[in-house]
């Protein structure tokens, strides 16, 4: 099970959090992630973009080891991103929670999504000690609707929205049972790392009124965003394509037709 290695990698982090937990930041200090995804689209863009900062990944290896969170945040704001996703997982993505603070320092009004392998209430408390406006909960990592609901509610008490990620129709049932309002469909199978963008787009037919849906993985060209918008998605998460671009701002402008 590939996901088990991500859980195992968190053992030391959880032990450290049990010894010392940083204090939570005020709820009022966070930008509203959900409102940003429901706001008006930029210019002629097909949908909203959650622009991602990540140095590497298990599937792609090193993506960009030199770009800083500050540089990415500024480029994403200038390029028209609605929100920013920050990979904070250390072992496989070379991230850390400090990256959230660094991005926030440059773009204090840009809502930040903490993207990590979160399955324990200590990790939610840790997120509350950062300027993150949202955190990621992965159904495949936590296939228990009660546990997902508890983590989501704990996050929302701190003014943090929960983005609940699914890969299949069965996982969508878990997400809805947990009360999820923001559904992220990952076109990449976390067990095999294979992507199937068409299957992800197909899932959008199950979208219900009032839900906000994000298409993630394999979103690298404007035509991908147009297809996602046509399928019913509200936003797309774009990471590797922006991090590999010489000018992430220009790439984002092209995606959004800005």
Foldseek 3Di string as FASTA:
>chain_A
DLLVVQVVLCPVVVVVLVVPAAAFDALVQEAALVVLLVDDAPDQFLAAEAEEDFQAAPVGGGQHDPDALLNRLVLCVLLRHSAYEYEARPPGGNHHLVSQVNSCVNVVNHAYEYEGADQDLSVLSNVSNGRHQEYEYECVSPVALCSLLVSQVSNVVSNHHYEYEDADPVSVVSCVSSVHQHYEHEQADSVVRDGDLVSSLQVLVPDDPRHAYEYEDPPQALVSSNSSSVSPHNYYYDYSNLSNDPRSSVSSCRSRVD
